[in-house]
Amino acid sequence: MKTLIDTEFTVFPVSEKTNIILPFTVSEEATELVIDYSYSPKTLADNEKAERLIRENLLRDAGDSIGEYTDSGKFMPLKNLITLSLDSPSGYRGAAHRQDSEQHHVIRRNFASVGFLKGEIEKGQWQLVLNVHAVVTDEVKCKVRVHAGGVLK
């Protein structure tokens, strides 16, 4: 397998509601792409901070309906959420907008992990996009690895 991306980085609350674009190039014919992605922590362990974040967000977003939200416990535990999507040189190839903080995806001509489109692994510029939905901890450590399998020489 040929490594196309092998990176680790940290995401902070300031990055919430943004996208992180990780471009990569498939320069040789390949029969599959393998994506391994993880981030941690998944949940906010500090219940006091969680209660404060819930109150702040309810005050900002609930408006006149704030009285309907008296039990902050139903929002617990607060979770970080960073999902991914994938684009090939010819366009959208799928997404994994899931809660899992560890993910493994495979894309081949005749098979693709749930959420992705099966098909040929085209040569050219691809991009993996991390969608930063929520960062409730002070930081989130992310790891991304993309490999091209079955590289034909």
N, C-alpha and C. Protein backbone atom coordinates (compact mmCIF):
# COMPACT_ATOMS: atom_id res chain seq x y z
N MET A 1 0.83 -1.18 0.00
CA MET A 1 0.00 0.00 0.00
C MET A 1 0.88 1.25 0.00
N LYS A 2 0.43 2.25 -0.69
CA LYS A 2 1.16 3.51 -0.76
C LYS A 2 0.46 4.53 0.14
N THR A 3 1.21 5.17 1.02
CA THR A 3 0.66 6.17 1.92
C THR A 3 0.46 7.49 1.17
N LEU A 4 -0.76 8.02 1.25
CA LEU A 4 -1.09 9.29 0.60
C LEU A 4 -1.24 10.42 1.62
N ILE A 5 -1.75 10.11 2.79
CA ILE A 5 -1.83 11.06 3.91
C ILE A 5 -1.47 10.30 5.17
N ASP A 6 -0.64 10.90 6.00
CA ASP A 6 -0.33 10.36 7.32
C ASP A 6 -0.06 11.58 8.20
N THR A 7 -1.08 12.04 8.89
CA THR A 7 -0.96 13.28 9.64
C THR A 7 -1.68 13.22 10.97
N GLU A 8 -1.19 13.98 11.90
CA GLU A 8 -1.82 14.17 13.20
C GLU A 8 -1.83 15.66 13.48
N PHE A 9 -2.91 16.16 14.05
CA PHE A 9 -3.01 17.58 14.35
C PHE A 9 -4.03 17.79 15.45
N THR A 10 -4.09 19.01 15.95
CA THR A 10 -4.99 19.37 17.04
C THR A 10 -6.00 20.38 16.53
N VAL A 11 -7.25 20.18 16.94
CA VAL A 11 -8.34 21.10 16.61
C VAL A 11 -8.80 21.77 17.90
N PHE A 12 -9.08 23.05 17.83
CA PHE A 12 -9.49 23.84 18.99
C PHE A 12 -10.92 24.37 18.79
N PRO A 13 -11.58 24.81 19.87
CA PRO A 13 -12.95 25.31 19.74
C PRO A 13 -13.12 26.41 18.69
N VAL A 14 -12.10 27.20 18.44
CA VAL A 14 -12.19 28.26 17.44
C VAL A 14 -12.47 27.70 16.03
N SER A 15 -12.15 26.41 15.82
CA SER A 15 -12.35 25.78 14.52
C SER A 15 -13.76 25.20 14.34
N GLU A 16 -14.59 25.30 15.38
CA GLU A 16 -15.94 24.76 15.29
C GLU A 16 -16.69 25.39 14.11
N LYS A 17 -17.48 24.57 13.43
CA LYS A 17 -18.28 24.96 12.28
C LYS A 17 -17.41 25.42 11.10
N THR A 18 -16.25 24.75 10.94
CA THR A 18 -15.39 24.99 9.78
C THR A 18 -15.08 23.64 9.14
N ASN A 19 -14.40 23.67 8.03
CA ASN A 19 -13.93 22.47 7.35
C ASN A 19 -12.42 22.51 7.26
N ILE A 20 -11.81 21.35 7.44
CA ILE A 20 -10.37 21.20 7.26
C ILE A 20 -10.16 20.35 6.03
N ILE A 21 -9.52 20.92 5.02
CA ILE A 21 -9.35 20.22 3.74
C ILE A 21 -7.96 19.60 3.70
N LEU A 22 -7.94 18.30 3.44
CA LEU A 22 -6.69 17.55 3.34
C LEU A 22 -6.57 17.02 1.90
N PRO A 23 -5.88 17.74 1.03
CA PRO A 23 -5.73 17.27 -0.35
C PRO A 23 -4.69 16.16 -0.45
N PHE A 24 -4.89 15.27 -1.41
CA PHE A 24 -3.88 14.25 -1.70
C PHE A 24 -3.99 13.87 -3.17
N THR A 25 -2.90 13.32 -3.69
CA THR A 25 -2.84 12.97 -5.10
C THR A 25 -2.69 11.47 -5.26
N VAL A 26 -3.54 10.90 -6.09
CA VAL A 26 -3.38 9.50 -6.52
C VAL A 26 -2.63 9.59 -7.84
N SER A 27 -1.35 9.22 -7.81
CA SER A 27 -0.51 9.40 -9.01
C SER A 27 -0.28 8.10 -9.77
N GLU A 28 -0.64 6.98 -9.16
CA GLU A 28 -0.48 5.68 -9.81
C GLU A 28 -1.82 4.96 -9.79
N GLU A 29 -2.01 4.06 -10.72
CA GLU A 29 -3.25 3.29 -10.72
C GLU A 29 -3.35 2.48 -9.43
N ALA A 30 -4.53 2.48 -8.83
CA ALA A 30 -4.75 1.75 -7.59
C ALA A 30 -6.12 1.09 -7.65
N THR A 31 -6.28 0.04 -6.86
CA THR A 31 -7.56 -0.68 -6.84
C THR A 31 -8.43 -0.31 -5.64
N GLU A 32 -7.84 0.38 -4.63
CA GLU A 32 -8.64 0.77 -3.48
C GLU A 32 -8.02 1.94 -2.74
N LEU A 33 -8.88 2.66 -2.03
CA LEU A 33 -8.44 3.66 -1.06
C LEU A 33 -8.86 3.16 0.31
N VAL A 34 -7.98 3.32 1.28
CA VAL A 34 -8.27 2.95 2.66
C VAL A 34 -8.09 4.21 3.51
N ILE A 35 -9.13 4.57 4.25
CA ILE A 35 -9.09 5.76 5.10
C ILE A 35 -9.24 5.32 6.55
N ASP A 36 -8.29 5.68 7.38
CA ASP A 36 -8.36 5.46 8.82
C ASP A 36 -8.34 6.82 9.48
N TYR A 37 -9.34 7.07 10.32
CA TYR A 37 -9.51 8.38 10.92
C TYR A 37 -9.93 8.22 12.37
N SER A 38 -9.34 9.03 13.24
CA SER A 38 -9.73 8.99 14.64
C SER A 38 -9.53 10.36 15.27
N TYR A 39 -10.27 10.59 16.34
CA TYR A 39 -10.07 11.80 17.13
C TYR A 39 -10.41 11.52 18.58
N SER A 40 -9.79 12.30 19.48
CA SER A 40 -10.07 12.13 20.90
C SER A 40 -9.73 13.43 21.63
N PRO A 41 -10.44 13.69 22.73
CA PRO A 41 -11.44 12.83 23.34
C PRO A 41 -12.78 12.95 22.61
N LYS A 42 -13.63 11.98 22.83
CA LYS A 42 -14.97 12.02 22.25
C LYS A 42 -15.91 12.86 23.10
N THR A 43 -15.82 12.72 24.43
CA THR A 43 -16.77 13.41 25.30
C THR A 43 -16.06 14.38 26.24
N LEU A 44 -16.82 15.32 26.74
CA LEU A 44 -16.33 16.28 27.72
C LEU A 44 -16.58 15.69 29.11
N ALA A 45 -15.52 15.45 29.86
CA ALA A 45 -15.63 14.82 31.18
C ALA A 45 -15.99 15.81 32.28
N ASP A 46 -15.76 17.08 32.06
CA ASP A 46 -16.01 18.11 33.06
C ASP A 46 -17.48 18.51 33.03
N ASN A 47 -18.29 17.97 33.96
CA ASN A 47 -19.73 18.23 33.97
C ASN A 47 -20.07 19.69 34.24
N GLU A 48 -19.25 20.36 35.04
CA GLU A 48 -19.48 21.78 35.31
C GLU A 48 -19.34 22.60 34.02
N LYS A 49 -18.30 22.32 33.28
CA LYS A 49 -18.10 23.02 32.00
C LYS A 49 -19.23 22.67 31.03
N ALA A 50 -19.64 21.41 31.03
CA ALA A 50 -20.74 20.99 30.15
C ALA A 50 -22.01 21.76 30.46
N GLU A 51 -22.34 21.87 31.75
CA GLU A 51 -23.54 22.63 32.16
C GLU A 51 -23.45 24.08 31.69
N ARG A 52 -22.27 24.69 31.84
CA ARG A 52 -22.09 26.07 31.41
C ARG A 52 -22.28 26.21 29.90
N LEU A 53 -21.69 25.29 29.12
CA LEU A 53 -21.83 25.33 27.67
C LEU A 53 -23.29 25.14 27.23
N ILE A 54 -23.99 24.25 27.91
CA ILE A 54 -25.40 24.02 27.59
C ILE A 54 -26.20 25.29 27.85
N ARG A 55 -26.00 25.91 29.01
CA ARG A 55 -26.72 27.15 29.34
C ARG A 55 -26.41 28.25 28.33
N GLU A 56 -25.13 28.42 28.00
CA GLU A 56 -24.74 29.47 27.05
C GLU A 56 -25.39 29.25 25.69
N ASN A 57 -25.39 28.01 25.22
CA ASN A 57 -25.96 27.72 23.92
C ASN A 57 -27.48 27.85 23.92
N LEU A 58 -28.13 27.44 24.99
CA LEU A 58 -29.57 27.61 25.08
C LEU A 58 -29.95 29.09 25.09
N LEU A 59 -29.21 29.88 25.87
CA LEU A 59 -29.49 31.31 25.90
C LEU A 59 -29.32 31.93 24.51
N ARG A 60 -28.32 31.49 23.78
CA ARG A 60 -28.04 32.04 22.46
C ARG A 60 -29.04 31.55 21.41
N ASP A 61 -29.42 30.26 21.47
CA ASP A 61 -30.16 29.65 20.37
C ASP A 61 -31.65 29.39 20.61
N ALA A 62 -32.07 29.22 21.86
CA ALA A 62 -33.45 28.79 22.10
C ALA A 62 -34.46 29.92 22.07
N GLY A 63 -34.01 31.14 22.30
CA GLY A 63 -34.93 32.28 22.26
C GLY A 63 -36.08 32.10 23.23
N ASP A 64 -37.31 32.36 22.76
CA ASP A 64 -38.50 32.27 23.60
C ASP A 64 -38.80 30.85 24.05
N SER A 65 -38.21 29.86 23.45
CA SER A 65 -38.47 28.46 23.80
C SER A 65 -37.57 27.95 24.92
N ILE A 66 -36.74 28.81 25.50
CA ILE A 66 -35.77 28.35 26.49
C ILE A 66 -36.43 27.64 27.66
N GLY A 67 -37.65 28.02 28.02
CA GLY A 67 -38.35 27.39 29.13
C GLY A 67 -38.64 25.91 28.90
N GLU A 68 -38.61 25.47 27.65
CA GLU A 68 -38.86 24.07 27.33
C GLU A 68 -37.66 23.18 27.69
N TYR A 69 -36.52 23.80 27.94
CA TYR A 69 -35.28 23.05 28.18
C TYR A 69 -34.85 23.19 29.64
N THR A 70 -35.54 22.52 30.51
CA THR A 70 -35.22 22.62 31.94
C THR A 70 -34.29 21.52 32.42
N ASP A 71 -34.16 20.43 31.66
CA ASP A 71 -33.34 19.31 32.07
C ASP A 71 -32.09 19.23 31.19
N SER A 72 -31.00 19.87 31.63
CA SER A 72 -29.77 19.86 30.83
C SER A 72 -29.15 18.47 30.75
N GLY A 73 -29.55 17.58 31.67
CA GLY A 73 -29.02 16.22 31.67
C GLY A 73 -29.32 15.45 30.40
N LYS A 74 -30.38 15.82 29.71
CA LYS A 74 -30.70 15.09 28.47
C LYS A 74 -29.72 15.41 27.34
N PHE A 75 -28.88 16.43 27.54
CA PHE A 75 -27.88 16.77 26.54
C PHE A 75 -26.52 16.14 26.84
N MET A 76 -26.43 15.46 27.98
CA MET A 76 -25.16 14.91 28.44
C MET A 76 -24.94 13.50 27.92
N PRO A 77 -23.75 13.02 27.75
CA PRO A 77 -22.54 13.83 27.82
C PRO A 77 -22.39 14.68 26.56
N LEU A 78 -21.77 15.83 26.70
CA LEU A 78 -21.48 16.64 25.52
C LEU A 78 -20.36 15.96 24.75
N LYS A 79 -20.48 15.99 23.42
CA LYS A 79 -19.53 15.27 22.57
C LYS A 79 -18.90 16.17 21.53
N ASN A 80 -17.63 15.93 21.27
CA ASN A 80 -16.99 16.50 20.10
C ASN A 80 -17.53 15.75 18.89
N LEU A 81 -17.64 16.45 17.76
CA LEU A 81 -18.09 15.78 16.54
C LEU A 81 -17.34 16.35 15.35
N ILE A 82 -16.52 15.49 14.75
CA ILE A 82 -15.78 15.85 13.54
C ILE A 82 -16.00 14.71 12.54
N THR A 83 -16.68 15.00 11.46
CA THR A 83 -17.01 13.98 10.47
C THR A 83 -16.15 14.18 9.23
N LEU A 84 -16.30 13.28 8.26
CA LEU A 84 -15.49 13.44 7.05
C LEU A 84 -16.30 13.20 5.79
N SER A 85 -15.83 13.82 4.72
CA SER A 85 -16.38 13.59 3.39
C SER A 85 -15.21 13.50 2.42
N LEU A 86 -15.49 12.95 1.24
CA LEU A 86 -14.42 12.67 0.28
C LEU A 86 -14.84 13.09 -1.12
N ASP A 87 -13.91 13.76 -1.80
CA ASP A 87 -14.12 14.16 -3.20
C ASP A 87 -12.99 13.59 -4.05
N SER A 88 -13.36 13.03 -5.21
CA SER A 88 -12.39 12.52 -6.18
C SER A 88 -12.16 13.61 -7.23
N PRO A 89 -11.29 13.37 -8.19
CA PRO A 89 -11.10 14.37 -9.25
C PRO A 89 -12.39 14.68 -10.02
N SER A 90 -13.32 13.72 -10.06
CA SER A 90 -14.56 13.98 -10.80
C SER A 90 -15.74 14.37 -9.91
N GLY A 91 -15.51 14.51 -8.59
CA GLY A 91 -16.59 14.99 -7.73
C GLY A 91 -16.79 14.19 -6.46
N TYR A 92 -17.93 14.38 -5.86
CA TYR A 92 -18.29 13.80 -4.57
C TYR A 92 -18.22 12.28 -4.58
N ARG A 93 -17.54 11.70 -3.57
CA ARG A 93 -17.45 10.23 -3.45
C ARG A 93 -18.08 9.72 -2.17
N GLY A 94 -18.56 10.62 -1.31
CA GLY A 94 -19.28 10.15 -0.14
C GLY A 94 -18.89 10.84 1.14
N ALA A 95 -19.55 10.37 2.23
CA ALA A 95 -19.33 10.98 3.54
C ALA A 95 -19.58 9.98 4.65
N ALA A 96 -18.93 10.22 5.76
CA ALA A 96 -19.15 9.44 6.98
C ALA A 96 -19.50 10.43 8.08
N HIS A 97 -20.74 10.90 8.04
CA HIS A 97 -21.21 11.85 9.05
C HIS A 97 -21.81 11.05 10.19
N ARG A 98 -20.91 10.42 10.96
CA ARG A 98 -21.28 9.55 12.05
C ARG A 98 -20.69 10.05 13.37
N GLN A 99 -21.19 9.49 14.46
CA GLN A 99 -20.71 9.84 15.78
C GLN A 99 -19.40 9.14 16.15
N ASP A 100 -19.04 8.07 15.45
CA ASP A 100 -17.86 7.28 15.81
C ASP A 100 -16.59 8.12 15.77
N SER A 101 -15.80 8.02 16.83
CA SER A 101 -14.54 8.77 16.87
C SER A 101 -13.38 7.97 16.27
N GLU A 102 -13.62 6.71 15.93
CA GLU A 102 -12.64 5.90 15.20
C GLU A 102 -13.36 5.30 14.00
N GLN A 103 -12.80 5.53 12.82
CA GLN A 103 -13.46 5.06 11.60
C GLN A 103 -12.45 4.44 10.64
N HIS A 104 -12.93 3.44 9.91
CA HIS A 104 -12.14 2.75 8.89
C HIS A 104 -13.03 2.62 7.66
N HIS A 105 -12.56 3.14 6.52
CA HIS A 105 -13.37 3.12 5.30
C HIS A 105 -12.53 2.57 4.15
N VAL A 106 -13.21 1.85 3.27
CA VAL A 106 -12.56 1.28 2.09
C VAL A 106 -13.41 1.62 0.88
N ILE A 107 -12.75 2.01 -0.20
CA ILE A 107 -13.44 2.30 -1.46
C ILE A 107 -12.73 1.53 -2.57
N ARG A 108 -13.52 0.73 -3.29
CA ARG A 108 -13.01 -0.04 -4.43
C ARG A 108 -13.99 0.09 -5.60
N ARG A 109 -13.61 -0.51 -6.70
CA ARG A 109 -14.49 -0.49 -7.88
C ARG A 109 -15.83 -1.14 -7.58
N ASN A 110 -15.83 -2.28 -6.87
CA ASN A 110 -17.06 -3.03 -6.63
C ASN A 110 -17.56 -2.99 -5.19
N PHE A 111 -16.96 -2.12 -4.36
CA PHE A 111 -17.36 -2.06 -2.95
C PHE A 111 -16.99 -0.70 -2.38
N ALA A 112 -17.83 -0.23 -1.46
CA ALA A 112 -17.48 0.98 -0.70
C ALA A 112 -18.12 0.88 0.67
N SER A 113 -17.41 1.37 1.67
CA SER A 113 -17.98 1.46 3.01
C SER A 113 -19.26 2.29 2.96
N VAL A 114 -20.14 2.06 3.90
CA VAL A 114 -21.42 2.76 3.95
C VAL A 114 -21.18 4.27 3.91
N GLY A 115 -21.90 4.94 3.04
CA GLY A 115 -21.80 6.39 2.90
C GLY A 115 -20.94 6.84 1.73
N PHE A 116 -20.19 5.91 1.16
CA PHE A 116 -19.30 6.24 0.05
C PHE A 116 -19.77 5.55 -1.23
N LEU A 117 -19.34 6.09 -2.36
CA LEU A 117 -19.70 5.53 -3.66
C LEU A 117 -18.58 4.63 -4.16
N LYS A 118 -18.96 3.41 -4.53
CA LYS A 118 -17.96 2.52 -5.11
C LYS A 118 -17.61 3.01 -6.51
N GLY A 119 -16.46 2.58 -7.00
CA GLY A 119 -16.04 2.99 -8.33
C GLY A 119 -14.53 2.97 -8.44
N GLU A 120 -14.06 3.23 -9.64
CA GLU A 120 -12.62 3.24 -9.91
C GLU A 120 -11.93 4.28 -9.05
N ILE A 121 -10.70 3.99 -8.69
CA ILE A 121 -9.86 4.95 -7.96
C ILE A 121 -9.12 5.75 -9.02
N GLU A 122 -9.63 6.94 -9.27
CA GLU A 122 -9.09 7.77 -10.34
C GLU A 122 -7.74 8.38 -9.97
N LYS A 123 -6.90 8.52 -10.96
CA LYS A 123 -5.67 9.28 -10.77
C LYS A 123 -6.04 10.75 -10.70
N GLY A 124 -5.26 11.50 -9.92
CA GLY A 124 -5.49 12.93 -9.86
C GLY A 124 -5.64 13.43 -8.43
N GLN A 125 -6.13 14.66 -8.32
CA GLN A 125 -6.25 15.34 -7.04
C GLN A 125 -7.57 14.97 -6.34
N TRP A 126 -7.46 14.44 -5.13
CA TRP A 126 -8.58 14.11 -4.27
C TRP A 126 -8.53 15.04 -3.07
N GLN A 127 -9.63 15.06 -2.31
CA GLN A 127 -9.56 15.77 -1.03
C GLN A 127 -10.48 15.12 -0.01
N LEU A 128 -9.92 14.99 1.16
CA LEU A 128 -10.65 14.53 2.32
C LEU A 128 -11.00 15.79 3.10
N VAL A 129 -12.26 15.94 3.46
CA VAL A 129 -12.71 17.14 4.16
C VAL A 129 -13.21 16.73 5.54
N LEU A 130 -12.59 17.29 6.58
CA LEU A 130 -13.06 17.08 7.94
C LEU A 130 -14.03 18.20 8.27
N ASN A 131 -15.24 17.82 8.63
CA ASN A 131 -16.29 18.78 8.96
C ASN A 131 -16.33 18.91 10.48
N VAL A 132 -15.89 20.06 10.99
CA VAL A 132 -15.79 20.28 12.43
C VAL A 132 -17.14 20.83 12.91
N HIS A 133 -17.99 19.93 13.40
CA HIS A 133 -19.33 20.32 13.84
C HIS A 133 -19.32 20.89 15.25
N ALA A 134 -18.64 20.21 16.19
CA ALA A 134 -18.64 20.64 17.59
C ALA A 134 -17.32 20.29 18.25
N VAL A 135 -16.76 21.27 18.96
CA VAL A 135 -15.57 21.06 19.77
C VAL A 135 -15.91 21.57 21.17
N VAL A 136 -16.18 20.64 22.08
CA VAL A 136 -16.61 21.00 23.43
C VAL A 136 -15.49 20.87 24.46
N THR A 137 -14.40 20.25 24.09
CA THR A 137 -13.23 20.14 24.97
C THR A 137 -12.24 21.25 24.57
N ASP A 138 -11.21 21.42 25.38
CA ASP A 138 -10.23 22.47 25.08
C ASP A 138 -9.47 22.21 23.79
N GLU A 139 -9.32 20.93 23.45
CA GLU A 139 -8.65 20.55 22.21
C GLU A 139 -9.08 19.14 21.83
N VAL A 140 -8.91 18.83 20.55
CA VAL A 140 -9.21 17.50 20.03
C VAL A 140 -8.02 17.07 19.17
N LYS A 141 -7.47 15.91 19.48
CA LYS A 141 -6.36 15.35 18.71
C LYS A 141 -6.94 14.49 17.58
N CYS A 142 -6.50 14.76 16.36
CA CYS A 142 -6.98 14.03 15.19
C CYS A 142 -5.84 13.29 14.50
N LYS A 143 -6.16 12.10 13.97
CA LYS A 143 -5.20 11.32 13.17
C LYS A 143 -5.91 10.93 11.87
N VAL A 144 -5.23 11.12 10.76
CA VAL A 144 -5.78 10.75 9.46
C VAL A 144 -4.71 10.02 8.67
N ARG A 145 -5.10 8.85 8.16
CA ARG A 145 -4.22 8.09 7.29
C ARG A 145 -5.03 7.63 6.07
N VAL A 146 -4.47 7.89 4.90
CA VAL A 146 -5.10 7.44 3.66
C VAL A 146 -4.04 6.66 2.89
N HIS A 147 -4.42 5.48 2.44
CA HIS A 147 -3.53 4.62 1.67
C HIS A 147 -4.20 4.22 0.37
N ALA A 148 -3.39 4.10 -0.67
CA ALA A 148 -3.84 3.53 -1.93
C ALA A 148 -3.39 2.08 -1.95
N GLY A 149 -4.34 1.19 -2.05
CA GLY A 149 -4.02 -0.23 -2.05
C GLY A 149 -4.01 -0.80 -3.46
N GLY A 150 -3.34 -1.92 -3.59
CA GLY A 150 -3.30 -2.59 -4.88
C GLY A 150 -2.68 -1.72 -5.96
N VAL A 151 -1.69 -0.92 -5.58
CA VAL A 151 -1.06 -0.04 -6.56
C VAL A 151 -0.45 -0.87 -7.67
N LEU A 152 -0.89 -0.57 -8.88
CA LEU A 152 -0.39 -1.30 -10.05
C LEU A 152 0.83 -0.56 -10.60
N LYS A 153 1.90 -1.28 -10.80
CA LYS A 153 3.12 -0.62 -11.29
C LYS A 153 3.32 -0.86 -12.75
